[in-house]
Protein backbone atom coordinates (compact mmCIF):
# COMPACT_ATOMS: atom_id res chain seq x y z
CA UNK A 1 60.93 138.04 82.52
CA UNK A 2 61.04 137.07 85.73
CA UNK A 3 64.10 136.57 88.69
CA UNK A 4 64.78 132.74 87.67
CA UNK A 5 64.92 133.58 83.99
CA UNK A 6 67.79 136.41 84.92
CA UNK A 7 69.62 133.69 87.28
CA UNK A 8 69.47 131.04 84.61
CA UNK A 9 70.77 133.43 81.44
CA UNK A 10 73.46 134.95 83.13
CA UNK A 11 74.62 131.86 84.38
CA UNK A 12 75.45 130.07 80.81
CA UNK A 13 79.06 131.95 80.81
CA UNK A 14 80.01 130.57 83.99
CA UNK A 15 78.88 126.98 82.74
CA UNK A 16 80.73 127.11 80.21
CA UNK A 17 83.69 128.71 81.68
CA UNK A 18 84.15 126.44 84.31
CA UNK A 19 83.14 123.29 81.85
CA UNK A 20 86.50 124.98 80.35
CA UNK A 21 88.63 125.12 83.34
CA UNK A 22 87.33 121.55 84.73
CA UNK A 23 88.26 120.05 80.90
CA UNK A 24 91.86 121.98 81.08
CA UNK A 25 92.19 120.13 84.56
CA UNK A 26 90.57 116.42 84.51
CA UNK A 27 91.95 116.58 81.12
CA UNK A 28 95.71 116.52 82.01
CA UNK A 29 95.44 114.55 84.68
CA UNK A 30 93.62 111.64 83.96
CA UNK A 31 96.33 110.19 80.28
CA UNK A 32 98.79 109.72 84.05
CA UNK A 33 98.64 106.29 83.40
CA UNK A 34 99.29 107.23 79.80
CA UNK A 35 103.48 108.08 81.36
CA UNK A 36 103.16 105.50 83.23
CA UNK A 37 105.53 103.40 80.85
CA UNK A 38 107.81 105.90 79.79
CA UNK A 39 108.25 107.25 82.96
CA UNK A 40 109.75 104.12 84.54
CA UNK A 41 111.32 103.13 81.28
CA UNK A 42 113.28 106.42 81.52
CA UNK A 43 113.53 106.73 85.15
CA UNK A 44 113.99 102.87 86.37
CA UNK A 45 111.80 104.48 89.64
CA UNK A 46 109.68 101.21 88.65
CA UNK A 47 105.89 100.57 88.77
CA UNK A 48 104.88 100.44 92.28
CA UNK A 49 107.05 103.23 92.77
CA UNK A 50 105.28 105.10 90.21
CA UNK A 51 101.74 104.58 91.37
CA UNK A 52 102.38 105.36 94.80
CA UNK A 53 103.35 108.56 94.27
CA UNK A 54 99.90 108.73 91.44
CA UNK A 55 98.51 107.63 93.97
CA UNK A 56 99.25 109.72 96.75
CA UNK A 57 98.05 112.62 93.29
CA UNK A 58 94.56 110.49 94.01
CA UNK A 59 94.41 111.66 97.69
CA UNK A 60 95.75 115.47 97.20
CA UNK A 61 93.41 115.84 94.84
CA UNK A 62 90.60 115.12 96.71
CA UNK A 63 92.60 117.05 100.11
CA UNK A 64 92.57 120.28 98.34
CA UNK A 65 89.04 120.53 96.88
CA UNK A 66 87.77 120.97 101.05
CA UNK A 67 90.30 123.53 101.35
CA UNK A 68 90.55 125.13 98.73
CA UNK A 69 86.44 124.84 98.68
CA UNK A 70 86.21 126.68 102.11
CA UNK A 71 88.37 129.62 100.64
CA UNK A 72 86.56 130.00 97.23
CA UNK A 73 82.90 130.01 99.69
CA UNK A 74 83.99 132.93 101.88
CA UNK A 75 86.17 134.81 99.13
CA UNK A 76 85.05 133.19 95.77
CA UNK A 77 86.52 130.91 92.97
CA UNK A 78 88.58 133.10 91.03
CA UNK A 79 91.79 133.33 93.56
CA UNK A 80 91.76 130.21 93.78
CA UNK A 81 91.10 128.75 91.01
CA UNK A 82 94.05 131.03 89.25
CA UNK A 83 96.20 129.60 92.50
CA UNK A 84 95.67 126.14 90.96
CA UNK A 85 96.78 126.66 87.32
CA UNK A 86 99.89 127.64 88.35
CA UNK A 87 100.50 125.02 90.89
CA UNK A 88 99.23 122.43 87.97
CA UNK A 89 101.95 124.52 85.30
CA UNK A 90 104.18 124.19 88.23
CA UNK A 91 104.31 120.39 89.15
CA UNK A 92 103.56 119.25 85.49
CA UNK A 93 107.19 121.41 84.45
CA UNK A 94 109.05 119.90 86.89
CA UNK A 95 108.40 116.30 86.55
CA UNK A 96 110.84 115.65 83.68
CA UNK A 97 113.27 116.89 85.86
CA UNK A 98 112.78 113.84 88.47
CA UNK A 99 114.83 111.32 89.81
CA UNK A 100 113.89 109.87 92.99
CA UNK A 101 110.76 108.38 94.29
CA UNK A 102 109.82 111.16 96.65
CA UNK A 103 110.64 114.07 93.97
CA UNK A 104 107.48 112.50 91.88
CA UNK A 105 105.87 112.56 95.01
CA UNK A 106 106.50 116.08 95.41
CA UNK A 107 105.65 117.29 91.96
CA UNK A 108 102.99 114.80 90.10
CA UNK A 109 101.39 113.46 93.61
CA UNK A 110 101.99 116.87 95.67
CA UNK A 111 102.19 119.99 93.44
CA UNK A 112 100.65 118.86 90.60
CA UNK A 113 97.70 117.07 92.44
CA UNK A 114 96.11 120.14 94.54
CA UNK A 115 96.66 122.46 91.98
CA UNK A 116 94.20 120.68 89.94
CA UNK A 117 92.11 120.42 92.65
CA UNK A 118 92.15 123.79 93.32
CA UNK A 119 89.99 123.81 89.68
CA UNK A 120 87.94 121.24 89.61
CA UNK A 121 84.38 119.85 90.75
CA UNK A 122 83.61 121.41 94.07
CA UNK A 123 84.87 124.84 93.56
CA UNK A 124 83.44 124.96 89.91
CA UNK A 125 80.28 123.30 90.72
CA UNK A 126 79.48 124.86 94.15
CA UNK A 127 80.74 128.75 91.60
CA UNK A 128 77.67 127.67 88.93
CA UNK A 129 75.52 126.70 91.72
CA UNK A 130 74.57 129.52 93.75
CA UNK A 131 73.06 131.76 90.64
CA UNK A 132 70.60 129.06 89.42
CA UNK A 133 67.58 128.49 90.74
CA UNK A 134 67.05 124.61 91.84
CA UNK A 135 65.71 123.32 89.37
CA UNK A 136 68.59 123.90 87.06
CA UNK A 137 70.51 122.85 89.47
CA UNK A 138 71.46 118.95 88.21
CA UNK A 139 71.56 120.16 84.27
CA UNK A 140 74.55 122.57 85.39
CA UNK A 141 76.13 119.91 87.76
CA UNK A 142 75.94 117.47 84.22
CA UNK A 143 77.22 120.78 82.10
CA UNK A 144 80.82 121.38 84.21
CA UNK A 145 81.16 117.78 84.08
CA UNK A 146 80.58 116.70 80.59
CA UNK A 147 84.18 119.61 80.63
CA UNK A 148 86.15 117.06 82.27
CA UNK A 149 84.47 114.56 80.12
CA UNK A 150 85.52 116.29 76.63
CA UNK A 151 88.99 117.08 78.18
CA UNK A 152 89.77 113.70 78.28
CA UNK A 153 88.79 113.09 75.39
CA UNK A 154 90.64 115.55 73.94
CA UNK A 155 94.03 115.04 76.07
CA UNK A 156 94.29 111.34 75.91
CA UNK A 157 95.14 110.87 72.31
CA UNK A 158 97.41 114.21 71.91
CA UNK A 159 99.27 113.53 74.91
CA UNK A 160 99.63 109.26 73.07
CA UNK A 161 100.48 111.52 70.41
CA UNK A 162 102.84 113.94 71.73
CA UNK A 163 104.87 110.77 73.51
CA UNK A 164 105.05 108.92 70.54
CA UNK A 165 106.09 112.00 68.54
CA UNK A 166 108.37 113.29 70.95
CA UNK A 167 108.89 111.56 73.64
CA UNK A 168 107.12 111.57 77.38
CA UNK A 169 108.91 115.14 79.10
CA UNK A 170 107.66 117.33 76.25
CA UNK A 171 104.41 115.67 76.49
CA UNK A 172 104.11 117.29 79.73
CA UNK A 173 105.49 120.25 78.97
CA UNK A 174 103.14 120.46 77.14
CA UNK A 175 100.62 119.68 79.48
CA UNK A 176 102.35 122.38 82.09
CA UNK A 177 101.57 124.94 78.96
CA UNK A 178 97.96 124.18 79.07
CA UNK A 179 97.34 124.33 82.40
CA UNK A 180 98.01 128.06 81.99
CA UNK A 181 94.91 128.94 79.81
CA UNK A 182 92.70 128.10 83.35
CA UNK A 183 94.25 131.97 84.74
CA UNK A 184 92.55 134.31 81.84
CA UNK A 185 89.58 131.71 82.56
CA UNK A 186 89.32 132.45 85.67
CA UNK A 187 88.40 136.43 85.80
CA UNK A 188 84.92 135.18 84.83
CA UNK A 189 84.31 133.00 87.48
CA UNK A 190 83.57 136.02 90.00
CA UNK A 191 81.67 134.94 92.82
CA UNK A 192 77.82 134.67 92.15
CA UNK A 193 74.79 135.13 94.74
CA UNK A 194 73.65 132.38 96.72
CA UNK A 195 69.90 130.86 96.45
CA UNK A 196 68.47 129.06 98.90
CA UNK A 197 66.21 125.53 98.59
CA UNK A 198 64.60 123.45 100.42
CA UNK A 199 63.36 123.41 103.88
CA UNK A 200 65.85 121.74 105.68
CA UNK A 201 68.76 123.91 103.69
CA UNK A 202 66.88 127.34 104.32
CA UNK A 203 66.81 126.52 107.70
CA UNK A 204 70.99 126.14 107.66
CA UNK A 205 72.00 128.47 105.22
CA UNK A 206 72.65 131.61 107.25
CA UNK A 207 74.85 129.85 109.81
CA UNK A 208 78.06 129.43 109.96
CA UNK A 209 80.50 127.01 108.62
CA UNK A 210 81.27 125.27 111.17
CA UNK A 211 78.15 124.30 112.14
CA UNK A 212 77.11 123.58 109.06
CA UNK A 213 79.25 120.85 109.05
CA UNK A 214 78.39 119.66 112.82
CA UNK A 215 74.93 119.11 111.00
CA UNK A 216 75.98 117.65 107.98
CA UNK A 217 77.90 115.20 109.44
CA UNK A 218 75.87 114.20 112.25
CA UNK A 219 73.41 113.52 109.10
CA UNK A 220 73.57 109.52 108.33
CA UNK A 221 72.77 110.24 104.53
CA UNK A 222 75.31 112.05 104.05
CA UNK A 223 77.84 109.48 105.20
CA UNK A 224 76.09 107.18 103.55
CA UNK A 225 77.06 109.46 99.85
CA UNK A 226 80.18 109.78 101.51
CA UNK A 227 81.11 105.72 101.60
CA UNK A 228 79.42 105.28 97.70
CA UNK A 229 82.28 108.08 96.16
CA UNK A 230 84.71 105.88 97.77
CA UNK A 231 83.50 103.37 95.82
CA UNK A 232 83.42 105.65 92.62
CA UNK A 233 86.85 106.51 93.05
CA UNK A 234 88.69 103.66 94.06
CA UNK A 235 87.52 102.22 90.54
CA UNK A 236 88.27 105.73 87.98
CA UNK A 237 91.97 106.14 89.75
CA UNK A 238 92.43 102.43 89.06
CA UNK A 239 90.87 102.55 85.51
CA UNK A 240 92.62 105.77 84.68
CA UNK A 241 96.30 104.68 86.32
CA UNK A 242 96.30 101.29 85.37
CA UNK A 243 94.32 100.28 81.91
CA UNK A 244 97.12 101.07 79.97
CA UNK A 245 99.06 98.37 81.78
CA UNK A 246 95.90 96.27 81.27
CA UNK A 247 96.23 96.68 77.62
CA UNK A 248 99.88 95.73 77.63
CA UNK A 249 99.14 93.01 79.21
CA UNK A 250 96.57 91.91 76.07
CA UNK A 251 99.44 92.48 73.82
CA UNK A 252 97.99 95.25 72.30
CA UNK A 253 99.59 98.69 70.89
CA UNK A 254 99.62 101.41 73.25
CA UNK A 255 96.91 103.45 71.25
CA UNK A 256 94.26 101.43 72.19
CA UNK A 257 94.61 102.22 75.68
CA UNK A 258 94.83 106.02 74.41
CA UNK A 259 91.75 105.73 72.13
CA UNK A 260 89.77 103.35 75.25
CA UNK A 261 90.30 106.67 77.36
CA UNK A 262 88.92 108.86 74.63
CA UNK A 263 85.90 107.17 74.00
CA UNK A 264 85.65 106.54 77.69
CA UNK A 265 85.29 111.15 78.11
CA UNK A 266 83.28 111.00 74.83
CA UNK A 267 80.75 108.36 76.19
CA UNK A 268 81.11 110.24 79.61
CA UNK A 269 79.53 113.78 78.18
CA UNK A 270 76.90 111.77 77.33
CA UNK A 271 76.42 110.52 80.49
CA UNK A 272 77.11 113.37 82.32
CA UNK A 273 74.74 115.64 80.87
CA UNK A 274 71.68 112.74 80.91
CA UNK A 275 72.40 111.88 84.69
CA UNK A 276 72.13 115.92 85.26
CA UNK A 277 69.10 116.19 82.70
CA UNK A 278 67.80 112.81 84.83
CA UNK A 279 67.97 114.26 88.28
CA UNK A 280 64.66 116.50 87.71
CA UNK A 281 62.79 113.53 86.50
CA UNK A 282 64.40 110.69 89.61
CA UNK A 283 65.47 110.30 92.29
CA UNK A 284 68.93 111.04 92.57
CA UNK A 285 70.06 107.82 94.90
CA UNK A 286 67.85 106.03 92.46
CA UNK A 287 70.19 107.17 89.66
CA UNK A 288 73.66 106.60 91.85
CA UNK A 289 71.82 103.00 92.72
CA UNK A 290 71.33 102.38 88.63
CA UNK A 291 75.32 103.63 87.79
CA UNK A 292 76.90 102.08 90.67
CA UNK A 293 75.13 98.65 89.64
CA UNK A 294 75.80 98.96 85.73
CA UNK A 295 78.71 99.36 86.91
CA UNK A 296 79.18 96.07 88.25
CA UNK A 297 77.36 94.90 85.29
CA UNK A 298 79.73 96.17 82.83
CA UNK A 299 82.86 94.72 84.68
CA UNK A 300 81.68 91.07 84.94
CA UNK A 301 81.39 90.58 80.91
CA UNK A 302 84.64 92.75 80.30
CA UNK A 303 86.10 89.84 82.12
CA UNK A 304 83.61 87.09 80.36
CA UNK A 305 84.74 89.06 76.63
CA UNK A 306 87.78 88.14 74.84
CA UNK A 307 90.32 90.16 75.09
CA UNK A 308 90.27 92.54 71.98
CA UNK A 309 91.08 96.40 70.64
CA UNK A 310 87.19 95.88 69.81
CA UNK A 311 86.37 94.42 73.72
CA UNK A 312 88.11 97.17 74.92
CA UNK A 313 86.84 100.26 73.16
CA UNK A 314 82.66 98.90 73.69
CA UNK A 315 83.95 98.54 77.52
CA UNK A 316 84.92 102.19 77.60
CA UNK A 317 82.10 103.31 75.99
CA UNK A 318 79.78 100.74 78.61
CA UNK A 319 81.86 102.39 81.56
CA UNK A 320 82.33 106.03 80.48
CA UNK A 321 78.47 106.63 80.22
CA UNK A 322 78.38 105.88 84.51
CA UNK A 323 82.21 107.30 84.27
CA UNK A 324 81.89 110.55 86.57
CA UNK A 325 77.82 110.95 86.02
CA UNK A 326 77.77 110.05 89.62
CA UNK A 327 79.50 113.68 90.42
CA UNK A 328 75.72 115.09 89.11
CA UNK A 329 73.88 113.25 91.60
CA UNK A 330 76.26 113.35 94.52
CA UNK A 331 76.51 117.49 94.19
CA UNK A 332 73.09 117.28 93.46
CA UNK A 333 71.70 116.17 96.47
CA UNK A 334 74.62 117.81 98.73
CA UNK A 335 73.19 120.27 97.98
CA UNK A 336 69.16 119.40 98.42
CA UNK A 337 70.31 118.35 101.86
CA UNK A 338 71.94 121.29 103.08
CA UNK A 339 71.73 124.04 100.88
CA UNK A 340 73.74 125.84 98.12
CA UNK A 341 75.81 128.63 100.52
CA UNK A 342 78.59 125.86 101.52
CA UNK A 343 78.45 123.51 98.46
CA UNK A 344 82.00 124.08 97.56
CA UNK A 345 83.33 122.37 100.79
CA UNK A 346 80.86 119.58 101.51
CA UNK A 347 81.10 118.56 98.64
CA UNK A 348 84.59 119.22 98.73
CA UNK A 349 84.72 116.57 101.72
CA UNK A 350 82.87 114.00 100.07
CA UNK A 351 85.14 114.71 97.00
CA UNK A 352 87.68 113.58 99.88
CA UNK A 353 85.67 110.49 100.06
CA UNK A 354 86.11 110.06 96.42
CA UNK A 355 89.85 110.13 96.62
CA UNK A 356 91.26 108.47 99.65
CA UNK A 357 88.82 105.19 97.09
CA UNK A 358 91.07 106.60 94.72
CA UNK A 359 94.65 106.72 95.76
CA UNK A 360 93.57 102.36 96.93
CA UNK A 361 92.70 101.74 93.51
CA UNK A 362 96.05 103.07 92.04
CA UNK A 363 98.44 102.12 94.66
CA UNK A 364 96.70 98.56 95.01
CA UNK A 365 96.30 98.52 91.11
CA UNK A 366 100.63 98.24 90.67
CA UNK A 367 100.18 95.86 94.53
CA UNK A 368 98.44 93.74 92.74
CA UNK A 369 100.57 93.37 89.16
CA UNK A 370 103.85 93.25 90.56
CA UNK A 371 102.27 90.33 93.14
CA UNK A 372 100.67 88.56 90.93
CA UNK A 373 101.32 89.50 87.52
CA UNK A 374 97.44 90.54 86.80
CA UNK A 375 95.33 92.69 87.58
CA UNK A 376 92.09 89.72 88.00
CA UNK A 377 91.92 90.45 92.12
CA UNK A 378 91.70 94.22 91.26
CA UNK A 379 88.68 93.28 88.91
CA UNK A 380 86.84 91.05 91.39
CA UNK A 381 87.86 94.12 94.04
CA UNK A 382 85.85 96.54 91.37
CA UNK A 383 82.98 94.54 90.97
CA UNK A 384 82.67 93.56 94.51
CA UNK A 385 82.51 97.63 95.48
CA UNK A 386 80.24 98.90 92.33
CA UNK A 387 77.57 96.38 94.19
CA UNK A 388 78.10 97.97 97.21
CA UNK A 389 78.03 101.26 96.37
CA UNK A 390 74.90 100.26 94.51
CA UNK A 391 72.74 99.14 97.72
CA UNK A 392 74.97 102.26 100.18
CA UNK A 393 73.14 104.83 98.18
CA UNK A 394 68.87 103.09 99.14
CA UNK A 395 68.72 104.53 102.17
CA UNK A 396 69.77 107.95 101.94
CA UNK A 397 66.33 110.17 103.42
CA UNK A 398 65.73 112.46 99.76
CA UNK A 399 62.74 114.52 99.81
CA UNK A 400 60.60 113.62 97.09
CA UNK A 401 59.82 114.99 93.90
CA UNK A 402 58.62 117.71 93.53
CA UNK A 403 56.78 118.73 89.78
CA UNK A 404 54.96 121.97 90.13
CA UNK A 405 54.78 124.75 87.76
CA UNK A 406 55.46 127.16 90.25
CA UNK A 407 59.09 125.29 90.82
CA UNK A 408 60.45 126.29 87.00
CA UNK A 409 58.73 129.73 86.66
């Protein structure tokens, strides 16, 4: 039995555990839009104030990942995930006690979001990628990413049912309890060996973190990835935060929003696994091009369609196929360009760009609604940014695929 096969088989428990952790951390975060209306009714803080707190959370989630990623790269991911689980549980548990905007920013925007960042993509994908041969890494990233989508599929209807039956505070306490489930899972996330890949990556795999960062920050392709991922964050944060509000403006019940979020999660399981598998067949920059372009088309068709429950469900299914399917090819390109040694740090920085976009998507959605009475201008911005993101990925200097038996042996 060859070394690559041993690595693949030993990585399955790690991949499954990483997917479960992401299901919890992402599942709870992606349902926060369901809390906006009841939180506003309970506290009277206003849509803009709540949207701003959630926007801060989007940024903090992204900013935490390169920091926690650097710690995980040096000391292993297990301690990082434990710390994140405790912070996530604390943030959710304290949120029902808030009475002011700054308290909401601290609990939901900083504590919980930083905790979720410690158990998110860069740490989990980085911990797994080093155990796998290069041709298996895109699938692993897609598999872990699908875990986050599965979490959204489970959490969205569950949270909406809890809010309807017991109130938003009880639902938040349940989310806090669920975050503690990441603690025993962290024990399995021991540090894997680092595998080398690619000529450029191999040449830099043994250098220090600062030197690797300098190399990456001088690379045009790395910055183009950041630009595209900014748009992805803008889209996702706007939708996950304000889709319930859009549903309400159309005169439809809150259950339509919860079901739509669940459909997005379910559809993205297929999209993530497909993106991971296709990363071994097509160049990843072309996958990103088509994913972003399809978003622009889907949003344009949604705007032209009658606003019924069925429209929202179809829109959710189509958009869900691209929802976080950008993560496997983006992480794959970072690893392809710079190797696995500091993947958690370098991919964490791209996620920071993603969440800077997320900050503006969440915050400007609330501002636009209060200023104009609708989300129309946000949808137009979504289309324009998606088209720009599709084009900006094309100049990325990705090495050609090498489909040889030696690569998969």
